[in-house]
Amino acid sequence: MNEYKTTGKVGVSAMKSNMHPQTASKYINAGKCPDELQKPHRWRTRKDPLEHLWPQAESMLEDAPELEAKTLFEHFLTIDDNGLEEKHLRTFYRRVSHWKATRGKEKEVFFEQNRHPGELMQLDWTHAKNLQVTILGEPLDHLFCHCVLPYSNWQWTTRCVSESFMSLVSGFQAAVHELGACPAHLCTDNTSAATHEQNQGDVHRRGYNSDYLEMCTHYDVTPMSINVDCPHEHGDVESLNGHFKRRLNQHLLLRGSRDFDSLESYDQFVQELNRKANAKRLSKVNEELAVMRPLPQSRLAEYKEYETPVSSNSLIRVRKKSYSVPSQLIGKKVRVHLYESHLKVYLGREHLLDLPRNRGDGKASVDFRHVIGSLLRKPGAFANYRHRQALYPSPVFRMTYDRLVKDHGQRLGTIEYLHVLKLAADQSVEEVEGLLSCRLEENGKWHAVDLRDQLLGPVVKPIQILMPEPSLESYDSLLEEGVADVG
C-alpha cells in the first residue's frame, strides 16, 4: 500500500510486494491489510469428540493437577460408550495442555540475576568417574572441586577424592592463587565441609563450621550459602560442571587415550585445558581483577595435625581410623599431617613415611610390610590375627596360602606363606605375584626358598677357611725366653 501511494500503479506495487495483481487490487480497494480482512475462526469444523467426557476430565485435573494427559486418556479408554478412540489422542493432549496453561497451578519463576565483577565466586564438587580415566591402567575414581566466577565464567578445577573440608581448602586456594586475587564473597551449597546443623528457627539455612569461617577470615571473603534443597540458586557453577566435563571428555577423545602415566600428568592435562578455556574470557576477567582484593601473604595449611601414640599392635589411630606403621615405632608418639588424600607421619621433625588415607568402613589400613618381621617370629599369631585379610595383597596371594596349607599342612604351610610375604616385602608384590601365578598352575610341592632362588638366584654360601689352632706350649716357651733375657 505504501508503494501504491508512491507510484499509483497496482501492477508495480504488487510485483515489489511479491503478490498477484488481483490480490493486491483487493486489499487496495478495501483499504485494509490481510490481518484486518481475515475473520476470526470461531466455529467448529467437526463434532467435539471430548464433549461428553471433558467435564469429568476437568474435574479430575482440578483435584489432581499433576495428572498427565496420557494417564487420563488411558483411563477414559477403559470406560465403555464414551465415544473416545485412539485417534483422539492428540486432541486430548492439546486440551489438557491448554487447561494446564490457563487454569493449572502456578510454576516456579527463575529470576535472572545481574552479576558484578569481582563480587562472587561459586564453589561446588562434581563427580568424574564416568570419564573413565585410568592411571597406568588402574581406574581413577575422583571428583573435581570446581570454582567459578559467575560474571566472567572464569573457572578452575582441582582433582580430589571426596567433598571434605581439606578438598575445599585445596580447591579454593588453588583457584585464587591461579587467579592472583580474591573475590568479595564465596558461595557454596550446604555441604558439610562448610556448614553444620540447621540454625534454630530457620529450616532453610545452616550455620558455618568454625574451620570454614577461619579460612574465609584469612582470605577476607564473606561466606555465603544457598537455601537447603535449592540447587538452582547455584546455577552458574552447576551448569559449568556439565560444560567442563563435556569439554574434558572431548579433549580425552582427541588425545586418543584416557590412560596417564601418573596423577601429576593428568592434573597437568586438566590445568592446561582450564587455562585455554579461561584465555577466551580475558577481557571480563581483567574487569574482575581490577576490583578484587589482594591475596594474603601466606597460604593456609592444607592438612590437619594430630599427635598419636603407636600401640603395641603397631597401629596409630587418626580420626577414628587405624593405620599400621613400622614396628620400631611401638611406644613412641608420632605427629601426623592428615591431608585430603594421604597422611604424612613424622617422628619429631623427621618425615618417616606417607600413608594412603583410609576411606573404608572402619577397618584398619594395615600394610603387611610393617608386621611381617614380627609374624615370622610369631607365626602362630597368623591364624587368628584380627587384620589377617590385609596379609593377602591380592587374590593370587590368598590362593597361594590355601595351596601351601594344602601341600604342607596348617603350621608349615603358614610359615612358608609368611616367607613368601617377606620376599614380596623385600622385592615387590608384582614380581612375586607373577612367579606365584606360574607356580599355582604347576603340580607338586614347592617352597618359598624356590621362589627366592628363582627371583634372586641361588644363595652362594661363603667359603670357610679352616685356621689351625695355635699351640699354647710355644706361647709358654716364648714367655720363658723373655724372662731369661730380662734376667
Protein backbone atom coordinates (compact mmCIF):
# COMPACT_ATOMS: atom_id res chain seq x y z
CA MET A 1 0.00 0.00 0.00
CA ASN A 2 2.92 2.33 0.67
CA GLU A 3 4.29 1.56 -2.78
CA TYR A 4 0.92 2.19 -4.38
CA LYS A 5 0.71 5.59 -2.69
CA THR A 6 4.07 6.44 -4.26
CA THR A 7 3.62 5.05 -7.80
CA GLY A 8 -0.18 4.81 -8.16
CA LYS A 9 0.36 1.60 -10.20
CA VAL A 10 -1.20 -1.63 -8.94
CA GLY A 11 1.00 -3.91 -11.10
CA VAL A 12 4.28 -2.34 -9.92
CA SER A 13 3.19 -2.30 -6.29
CA ALA A 14 2.10 -5.98 -6.46
CA MET A 15 5.39 -7.04 -8.12
CA LYS A 16 7.53 -5.33 -5.45
CA SER A 17 5.37 -6.93 -2.74
CA ASN A 18 5.71 -10.39 -4.32
CA MET A 19 1.90 -10.54 -4.68
CA HIS A 20 -0.55 -11.30 -7.52
CA PRO A 21 -2.06 -8.07 -9.01
CA GLN A 22 -5.63 -9.26 -8.37
CA THR A 23 -4.86 -9.89 -4.71
CA ALA A 24 -3.21 -6.50 -4.45
CA SER A 25 -6.25 -4.84 -6.01
CA LYS A 26 -8.48 -6.49 -3.40
CA TYR A 27 -6.50 -5.05 -0.48
CA ILE A 28 -6.13 -1.62 -2.13
CA ASN A 29 -9.83 -1.37 -2.86
CA ALA A 30 -10.74 -2.44 0.66
CA GLY A 31 -8.12 -0.18 2.22
CA LYS A 32 -7.29 -2.89 4.79
CA CYS A 33 -4.39 -5.27 5.43
CA PRO A 34 -4.80 -9.09 5.20
CA ASP A 35 -4.97 -9.44 9.01
CA GLU A 36 -7.79 -6.93 9.15
CA LEU A 37 -9.79 -8.65 6.39
CA GLN A 38 -9.46 -12.15 7.86
CA LYS A 39 -12.38 -13.10 10.09
CA PRO A 40 -11.68 -14.86 13.39
CA HIS A 41 -12.27 -18.62 13.21
CA ARG A 42 -14.78 -19.30 15.98
CA TRP A 43 -16.75 -22.25 14.59
CA ARG A 44 -16.01 -25.95 14.71
CA THR A 45 -15.26 -27.94 11.56
CA ARG A 46 -16.28 -31.24 13.19
CA LYS A 47 -18.07 -32.51 16.25
CA ASP A 48 -16.08 -32.28 19.51
CA PRO A 49 -15.09 -35.90 20.40
CA LEU A 50 -14.42 -34.86 24.02
CA GLU A 51 -17.76 -33.16 24.58
CA HIS A 52 -19.18 -35.79 26.97
CA LEU A 53 -16.07 -36.67 28.95
CA TRP A 54 -14.26 -33.33 29.21
CA PRO A 55 -16.23 -32.01 32.24
CA GLN A 56 -15.21 -35.15 34.14
CA ALA A 57 -11.58 -34.81 32.96
CA GLU A 58 -11.57 -31.18 34.00
CA SER A 59 -12.88 -32.09 37.45
CA MET A 60 -10.14 -34.71 37.85
CA LEU A 61 -7.46 -32.20 36.82
CA GLU A 62 -8.72 -29.68 39.36
CA ASP A 63 -8.46 -32.32 42.12
CA ALA A 64 -5.00 -33.52 40.99
CA PRO A 65 -3.29 -31.02 38.64
CA GLU A 66 -0.20 -33.25 38.43
CA LEU A 67 -2.13 -35.88 36.44
CA GLU A 68 -0.63 -36.42 33.00
CA ALA A 69 -2.64 -36.35 29.78
CA LYS A 70 -1.56 -39.87 28.79
CA THR A 71 -2.69 -41.33 32.11
CA LEU A 72 -6.08 -39.63 31.86
CA PHE A 73 -6.54 -40.68 28.22
CA GLU A 74 -5.79 -44.34 29.00
CA HIS A 75 -8.22 -44.16 31.92
CA PHE A 76 -11.10 -42.91 29.73
CA LEU A 77 -10.37 -45.53 27.06
CA THR A 78 -11.30 -48.20 29.59
CA ILE A 79 -14.79 -46.65 30.02
CA ASP A 80 -17.39 -48.01 27.60
CA ASP A 81 -19.67 -45.88 25.42
CA ASN A 82 -17.79 -42.59 25.82
CA GLY A 83 -17.06 -42.19 22.12
CA LEU A 84 -13.27 -41.90 22.70
CA GLU A 85 -10.89 -43.61 20.27
CA GLU A 86 -7.11 -43.87 19.89
CA LYS A 87 -7.19 -41.32 17.06
CA HIS A 88 -8.40 -38.65 19.52
CA LEU A 89 -5.12 -38.78 21.49
CA ARG A 90 -3.61 -35.57 20.05
CA THR A 91 -6.84 -33.65 20.57
CA PHE A 92 -6.95 -34.76 24.19
CA TYR A 93 -3.28 -33.83 24.67
CA ARG A 94 -3.90 -30.31 23.31
CA ARG A 95 -6.98 -29.84 25.51
CA VAL A 96 -5.13 -30.90 28.68
CA SER A 97 -2.12 -28.75 27.77
CA HIS A 98 -4.37 -25.71 27.25
CA TRP A 99 -6.15 -26.32 30.55
CA LYS A 100 -2.84 -26.53 32.48
CA ALA A 101 -1.57 -23.36 30.75
CA THR A 102 -4.68 -21.35 31.64
CA ARG A 103 -6.05 -22.90 34.82
CA GLY A 104 -3.26 -25.08 36.18
CA LYS A 105 -1.15 -24.34 39.25
CA GLU A 106 1.49 -21.64 39.15
CA LYS A 107 5.00 -22.67 38.19
CA GLU A 108 8.21 -21.55 39.82
CA VAL A 109 9.73 -18.45 38.26
CA PHE A 110 13.52 -18.18 37.98
CA PHE A 111 14.82 -14.64 38.18
CA GLU A 112 17.91 -13.89 36.13
CA GLN A 113 20.49 -12.05 38.22
CA ASN A 114 22.80 -9.18 37.32
CA ARG A 115 26.38 -10.15 38.13
CA HIS A 116 29.00 -7.61 39.15
CA PRO A 117 32.74 -8.01 38.51
CA GLY A 118 34.87 -9.29 41.37
CA GLU A 119 31.89 -9.82 43.65
CA LEU A 120 31.35 -13.57 43.83
CA MET A 121 33.00 -16.97 43.44
CA GLN A 122 30.87 -20.14 43.49
CA LEU A 123 32.38 -23.47 44.63
CA ASP A 124 30.99 -26.95 44.05
CA TRP A 125 32.11 -30.56 43.56
CA THR A 126 31.38 -32.74 40.54
CA HIS A 127 31.98 -36.48 40.14
CA ALA A 128 34.26 -37.53 37.27
CA LYS A 129 34.30 -41.33 37.47
CA ASN A 130 32.24 -41.56 34.26
CA LEU A 131 35.17 -40.04 32.33
CA GLN A 132 36.85 -43.49 32.72
CA VAL A 133 40.33 -42.05 33.26
CA THR A 134 42.99 -44.57 34.25
CA ILE A 135 46.45 -44.22 35.80
CA LEU A 136 48.80 -46.92 34.48
CA GLY A 137 45.73 -48.99 33.68
CA GLU A 138 44.08 -48.58 37.08
CA PRO A 139 40.64 -46.83 37.07
CA LEU A 140 40.66 -43.44 38.78
CA ASP A 141 37.59 -42.71 40.92
CA HIS A 142 37.78 -38.98 41.61
CA LEU A 143 35.95 -35.66 41.86
CA PHE A 144 36.77 -32.10 40.91
CA CYS A 145 36.44 -29.13 43.23
CA HIS A 146 35.12 -26.54 40.78
CA CYS A 147 35.45 -22.77 41.36
CA VAL A 148 33.64 -20.31 39.05
CA LEU A 149 33.38 -16.52 38.76
CA PRO A 150 29.79 -16.01 37.51
CA TYR A 151 30.47 -12.59 35.96
CA SER A 152 33.23 -13.74 33.58
CA ASN A 153 32.69 -17.54 33.74
CA TRP A 154 36.38 -17.94 34.67
CA GLN A 155 36.81 -21.37 36.23
CA TRP A 156 39.38 -23.61 37.87
CA THR A 157 39.17 -27.28 38.87
CA THR A 158 41.22 -29.27 41.36
CA ARG A 159 41.18 -33.07 41.48
CA CYS A 160 40.12 -34.54 44.83
CA VAL A 161 38.75 -37.76 46.28
CA SER A 162 35.88 -36.51 48.46
CA GLU A 163 33.77 -33.48 49.41
CA SER A 164 35.86 -32.81 52.50
CA PHE A 165 36.98 -29.58 54.14
CA MET A 166 40.55 -30.31 53.06
CA SER A 167 39.48 -30.58 49.42
CA LEU A 168 37.54 -27.31 49.80
CA VAL A 169 40.64 -25.52 51.13
CA SER A 170 42.88 -27.02 48.43
CA GLY A 171 40.42 -26.22 45.65
CA PHE A 172 39.74 -22.64 46.78
CA GLN A 173 43.41 -21.84 47.37
CA ALA A 174 44.43 -23.30 44.01
CA ALA A 175 41.77 -21.16 42.28
CA VAL A 176 42.57 -17.81 43.93
CA HIS A 177 46.33 -18.28 43.58
CA GLU A 178 45.89 -19.14 39.90
CA LEU A 179 43.73 -16.03 39.61
CA GLY A 180 46.06 -13.87 41.72
CA ALA A 181 43.29 -12.16 43.70
CA CYS A 182 40.31 -12.79 45.99
CA PRO A 183 36.59 -12.13 45.33
CA ALA A 184 34.39 -10.39 47.89
CA HIS A 185 32.13 -13.41 48.53
CA LEU A 186 32.49 -17.19 48.41
CA CYS A 187 29.28 -19.15 47.89
CA THR A 188 28.80 -22.90 48.46
CA ASP A 189 25.86 -25.21 48.76
CA ASN A 190 25.03 -26.75 52.15
CA THR A 191 27.94 -29.19 52.11
CA SER A 192 29.09 -30.48 55.50
CA ALA A 193 32.60 -29.26 54.59
CA ALA A 194 31.40 -25.68 55.12
CA THR A 195 28.17 -25.92 57.13
CA HIS A 196 26.74 -27.94 60.01
CA GLU A 197 23.30 -28.43 61.55
CA GLN A 198 20.45 -26.07 60.73
CA ASN A 199 20.08 -22.87 62.71
CA GLN A 200 17.19 -22.92 65.17
CA GLY A 201 14.10 -21.33 63.71
CA ASP A 202 15.47 -21.27 60.14
CA VAL A 203 14.91 -24.50 58.22
CA HIS A 204 16.35 -23.03 55.02
CA ARG A 205 19.79 -22.05 56.37
CA ARG A 206 22.64 -23.92 58.02
CA GLY A 207 25.39 -22.44 60.19
CA TYR A 208 29.05 -22.37 59.15
CA ASN A 209 31.81 -24.57 60.56
CA SER A 210 34.49 -22.78 62.58
CA ASP A 211 37.27 -24.09 60.31
CA TYR A 212 35.46 -22.74 57.26
CA LEU A 213 34.97 -19.34 58.91
CA GLU A 214 38.70 -19.22 59.74
CA MET A 215 39.54 -19.84 56.08
CA CYS A 216 37.18 -17.07 54.96
CA THR A 217 38.69 -14.69 57.53
CA HIS A 218 42.21 -15.48 56.36
CA TYR A 219 41.30 -14.61 52.75
CA ASP A 220 38.96 -11.74 53.74
CA VAL A 221 35.98 -13.20 51.87
CA THR A 222 32.39 -13.22 53.08
CA PRO A 223 30.83 -16.71 53.21
CA MET A 224 27.50 -17.30 51.50
CA SER A 225 25.34 -20.40 51.03
CA ILE A 226 22.22 -21.22 49.09
CA ASN A 227 18.94 -22.35 50.65
CA VAL A 228 18.58 -26.03 51.51
CA ASP A 229 17.44 -28.14 48.53
CA CYS A 230 17.66 -25.19 46.10
CA PRO A 231 20.48 -26.12 43.67
CA HIS A 232 19.14 -23.66 41.07
CA GLU A 233 20.44 -20.85 43.30
CA HIS A 234 23.90 -22.22 42.48
CA GLY A 235 23.08 -22.33 38.80
CA ASP A 236 26.29 -20.87 37.34
CA VAL A 237 28.66 -23.48 38.75
CA GLU A 238 26.06 -26.27 38.41
CA SER A 239 25.75 -25.52 34.69
CA LEU A 240 29.50 -25.20 34.14
CA ASN A 241 30.07 -28.57 35.88
CA GLY A 242 28.48 -30.26 32.87
CA HIS A 243 30.21 -28.00 30.33
CA PHE A 244 33.62 -28.66 31.92
CA LYS A 245 33.22 -32.44 31.89
CA ARG A 246 31.98 -32.43 28.29
CA ARG A 247 34.97 -30.34 27.23
CA LEU A 248 37.34 -32.61 29.15
CA ASN A 249 35.77 -35.69 27.58
CA GLN A 250 36.17 -34.20 24.08
CA HIS A 251 39.86 -33.49 24.65
CA LEU A 252 40.37 -37.01 26.00
CA LEU A 253 38.88 -38.27 22.73
CA LEU A 254 41.26 -36.05 20.76
CA ARG A 255 44.16 -37.33 22.87
CA GLY A 256 43.29 -40.85 21.80
CA SER A 257 43.79 -42.37 25.25
CA ARG A 258 42.34 -41.98 28.73
CA ASP A 259 45.35 -43.56 30.41
CA PHE A 260 48.04 -41.40 32.05
CA ASP A 261 51.48 -42.21 33.40
CA SER A 262 50.82 -40.52 36.74
CA LEU A 263 48.35 -38.41 38.66
CA GLU A 264 50.63 -35.41 38.09
CA SER A 265 50.45 -35.76 34.29
CA TYR A 266 46.64 -36.00 34.46
CA ASP A 267 46.45 -32.90 36.68
CA GLN A 268 48.67 -31.00 34.24
CA PHE A 269 46.42 -32.04 31.33
CA VAL A 270 43.34 -30.69 33.15
CA GLN A 271 45.07 -27.45 34.17
CA GLU A 272 46.14 -26.71 30.60
CA LEU A 273 42.57 -27.30 29.47
CA ASN A 274 41.32 -24.80 32.08
CA ARG A 275 43.86 -22.18 31.02
CA LYS A 276 42.85 -22.49 27.35
CA ALA A 277 39.18 -22.00 28.26
CA ASN A 278 39.93 -19.03 30.52
CA ALA A 279 42.03 -17.31 27.83
CA LYS A 280 38.82 -16.68 25.85
CA ARG A 281 37.36 -14.69 28.79
CA LEU A 282 40.35 -12.45 29.37
CA SER A 283 38.59 -9.09 28.91
CA LYS A 284 35.92 -9.79 31.55
CA VAL A 285 38.47 -11.43 33.85
CA ASN A 286 40.51 -8.22 33.76
CA GLU A 287 37.40 -6.31 34.84
CA GLU A 288 37.10 -8.65 37.83
CA LEU A 289 40.78 -8.44 38.75
CA ALA A 290 40.60 -4.65 38.75
CA VAL A 291 38.20 -4.66 41.73
CA MET A 292 39.29 -7.83 43.55
CA ARG A 293 41.21 -7.92 46.80
CA PRO A 294 44.90 -8.88 47.05
CA LEU A 295 45.90 -12.31 48.35
CA PRO A 296 47.20 -12.69 51.93
CA GLN A 297 50.92 -13.17 52.47
CA SER A 298 50.68 -16.90 53.25
CA ARG A 299 48.61 -19.90 52.29
CA LEU A 300 46.69 -21.95 54.81
CA ALA A 301 47.97 -25.40 55.66
CA GLU A 302 46.08 -27.97 53.60
CA TYR A 303 46.24 -30.56 56.35
CA LYS A 304 45.25 -31.09 59.98
CA GLU A 305 47.87 -32.09 62.54
CA TYR A 306 47.40 -34.83 65.13
CA GLU A 307 49.68 -36.39 67.73
CA THR A 308 49.05 -40.05 68.47
CA PRO A 309 50.86 -42.93 70.21
CA VAL A 310 51.88 -46.10 68.39
CA SER A 311 50.14 -49.06 70.04
CA SER A 312 51.62 -52.47 70.71
CA ASN A 313 49.76 -53.63 67.59
CA SER A 314 51.99 -51.26 65.56
CA LEU A 315 48.91 -49.15 64.80
CA ILE A 316 48.12 -45.45 65.08
CA ARG A 317 44.59 -44.05 65.24
CA VAL A 318 43.64 -40.83 63.40
CA ARG A 319 40.06 -39.56 63.06
CA LYS A 320 38.63 -42.93 64.18
CA LYS A 321 40.64 -44.79 61.51
CA SER A 322 43.60 -47.09 62.22
CA TYR A 323 46.82 -47.29 60.21
CA SER A 324 49.85 -49.54 60.56
CA VAL A 325 53.38 -48.13 60.91
CA PRO A 326 56.80 -49.83 61.23
CA SER A 327 57.08 -51.79 64.46
CA GLN A 328 60.21 -49.86 65.52
CA LEU A 329 57.85 -47.01 66.45
CA ILE A 330 55.88 -49.01 69.05
CA GLY A 331 55.67 -46.98 72.25
CA LYS A 332 56.59 -43.71 70.53
CA LYS A 333 54.37 -40.69 69.85
CA VAL A 334 54.25 -39.57 66.26
CA ARG A 335 52.89 -36.44 64.56
CA VAL A 336 50.51 -36.99 61.68
CA HIS A 337 49.59 -34.48 58.97
CA LEU A 338 46.20 -35.52 57.62
CA TYR A 339 45.81 -34.38 54.01
CA GLU A 340 42.79 -34.82 51.81
CA SER A 341 44.16 -37.97 50.12
CA HIS A 342 47.06 -39.16 52.32
CA LEU A 343 48.84 -38.95 55.68
CA LYS A 344 52.40 -37.86 56.45
CA VAL A 345 53.93 -39.41 59.58
CA TYR A 346 56.70 -37.61 61.50
CA LEU A 347 58.86 -38.55 64.46
CA GLY A 348 59.85 -35.19 65.87
CA ARG A 349 60.77 -33.19 62.77
CA GLU A 350 61.82 -36.19 60.70
CA HIS A 351 59.40 -37.27 57.98
CA LEU A 352 59.17 -41.06 58.19
CA LEU A 353 56.58 -42.22 55.67
CA ASP A 354 53.41 -41.44 53.73
CA LEU A 355 50.23 -43.49 54.05
CA PRO A 356 47.13 -43.52 51.80
CA ARG A 357 44.10 -42.17 53.62
CA ASN A 358 41.68 -44.83 54.82
CA ARG A 359 38.17 -44.18 53.48
CA GLY A 360 36.80 -47.61 54.22
CA ASP A 361 34.14 -48.90 56.57
CA GLY A 362 36.13 -48.65 59.79
CA LYS A 363 38.62 -51.46 59.11
CA ALA A 364 42.27 -50.77 59.85
CA SER A 365 44.59 -49.94 56.97
CA VAL A 366 47.40 -52.44 57.56
CA ASP A 367 50.49 -52.74 55.36
CA PHE A 368 51.88 -56.28 55.61
CA ARG A 369 55.42 -54.88 55.27
CA HIS A 370 55.10 -53.32 58.73
CA VAL A 371 54.28 -56.57 60.54
CA ILE A 372 55.82 -59.39 58.50
CA GLY A 373 59.05 -59.43 60.57
CA SER A 374 57.13 -59.93 63.81
CA LEU A 375 54.86 -62.57 62.22
CA LEU A 376 57.88 -64.62 61.14
CA ARG A 377 58.99 -64.66 64.76
CA LYS A 378 55.43 -65.47 65.94
CA PRO A 379 53.85 -67.49 63.10
CA GLY A 380 51.16 -68.83 65.43
CA ALA A 381 49.59 -65.35 65.58
CA PHE A 382 48.68 -65.51 61.87
CA ALA A 383 45.66 -67.83 62.20
CA ASN A 384 43.55 -65.51 64.38
CA TYR A 385 45.11 -62.15 63.50
CA ARG A 386 42.38 -59.52 63.59
CA HIS A 387 43.60 -57.84 60.39
CA ARG A 388 44.54 -61.03 58.63
CA GLN A 389 42.78 -60.02 55.41
CA ALA A 390 45.39 -57.29 54.91
CA LEU A 391 48.06 -60.01 54.68
CA TYR A 392 46.73 -61.04 51.26
CA PRO A 393 47.94 -58.27 48.90
CA SER A 394 45.93 -59.79 46.04
CA PRO A 395 43.71 -62.82 45.31
CA VAL A 396 46.79 -64.64 44.00
CA PHE A 397 48.38 -64.46 47.45
CA ARG A 398 45.20 -65.83 49.03
CA MET A 399 45.22 -68.79 46.63
CA THR A 400 48.92 -69.26 47.40
CA TYR A 401 48.19 -69.52 51.12
CA ASP A 402 45.48 -72.14 50.54
CA ARG A 403 47.80 -74.12 48.26
CA LEU A 404 50.73 -74.09 50.71
CA VAL A 405 48.49 -75.18 53.61
CA LYS A 406 47.10 -78.00 51.48
CA ASP A 407 50.57 -79.18 50.44
CA HIS A 408 52.48 -78.73 53.72
CA GLY A 409 49.84 -78.70 56.44
CA GLN A 410 48.49 -75.83 58.52
CA ARG A 411 51.61 -74.91 60.53
CA LEU A 412 54.31 -75.45 57.92
CA GLY A 413 52.09 -74.01 55.16
CA THR A 414 51.58 -70.82 57.20
CA ILE A 415 55.34 -70.47 57.74
CA GLU A 416 56.00 -70.97 54.03
CA TYR A 417 53.41 -68.32 53.19
CA LEU A 418 54.95 -65.85 55.64
CA HIS A 419 58.30 -66.34 53.91
CA VAL A 420 56.57 -65.62 50.59
CA LEU A 421 55.22 -62.39 52.09
CA LYS A 422 58.70 -61.50 53.33
CA LEU A 423 60.02 -61.95 49.81
CA ALA A 424 57.26 -59.65 48.49
CA ALA A 425 58.19 -57.07 51.15
CA ASP A 426 61.89 -57.22 50.25
CA GLN A 427 61.34 -57.13 46.47
CA SER A 428 57.90 -56.19 45.13
CA VAL A 429 54.38 -57.57 45.18
CA GLU A 430 54.19 -57.53 41.37
CA GLU A 431 57.37 -59.59 40.85
CA VAL A 432 56.38 -62.22 43.41
CA GLU A 433 52.79 -62.32 42.17
CA GLY A 434 53.97 -63.19 38.65
CA LEU A 435 56.02 -66.13 39.96
CA LEU A 436 53.13 -67.31 42.16
CA SER A 437 50.72 -67.36 39.21
CA CYS A 438 53.03 -69.78 37.39
CA ARG A 439 53.57 -71.95 40.49
CA LEU A 440 49.83 -72.28 41.09
CA GLU A 441 49.42 -73.81 37.64
CA GLU A 442 52.05 -76.48 38.37
CA ASN A 443 51.60 -79.73 40.22
CA GLY A 444 53.80 -80.79 43.11
CA LYS A 445 55.05 -79.18 46.26
CA TRP A 446 57.27 -76.14 46.31
CA HIS A 447 58.76 -73.89 48.96
CA ALA A 448 59.26 -70.17 49.45
CA VAL A 449 63.01 -70.65 49.03
CA ASP A 450 62.35 -71.92 45.50
CA LEU A 451 60.72 -68.59 44.68
CA ARG A 452 63.63 -66.69 46.20
CA ASP A 453 66.17 -68.69 44.19
CA GLN A 454 64.11 -68.15 41.03
CA LEU A 455 63.90 -64.43 41.63
CA LEU A 456 67.35 -63.70 43.05
CA GLY A 457 69.39 -66.74 42.11
CA PRO A 458 70.72 -69.44 44.46
CA VAL A 459 72.32 -68.21 47.63
CA VAL A 460 76.10 -68.71 47.43
CA LYS A 461 77.45 -69.98 50.72
CA PRO A 462 80.67 -68.27 51.87
CA ILE A 463 83.89 -70.31 51.74
CA GLN A 464 85.02 -71.32 55.18
CA ILE A 465 88.78 -71.24 55.75
CA LEU A 466 89.98 -73.62 58.48
CA MET A 467 92.60 -71.96 60.64
CA PRO A 468 94.87 -74.26 62.70
CA GLU A 469 94.65 -73.79 66.42
CA PRO A 470 97.85 -72.28 67.86
CA SER A 471 99.85 -74.33 70.36
CA LEU A 472 99.93 -72.88 73.86
CA GLU A 473 103.29 -74.59 74.54
CA SER A 474 105.03 -72.35 72.02
CA TYR A 475 103.50 -69.33 73.75
CA ASP A 476 104.80 -70.59 77.13
CA SER A 477 108.29 -71.06 75.71
CA LEU A 478 108.19 -67.54 74.29
CA LEU A 479 107.37 -66.21 77.73
CA GLU A 480 110.21 -68.20 79.31
CA GLU A 481 112.68 -66.82 76.79
CA GLY A 482 111.52 -63.32 77.51
CA VAL A 483 112.03 -63.80 81.26
CA ALA A 484 115.53 -65.24 80.69
CA ASP A 485 116.52 -62.25 78.56
CA VAL A 486 115.42 -59.86 81.27
CA GLY A 487 117.41 -61.77 83.88
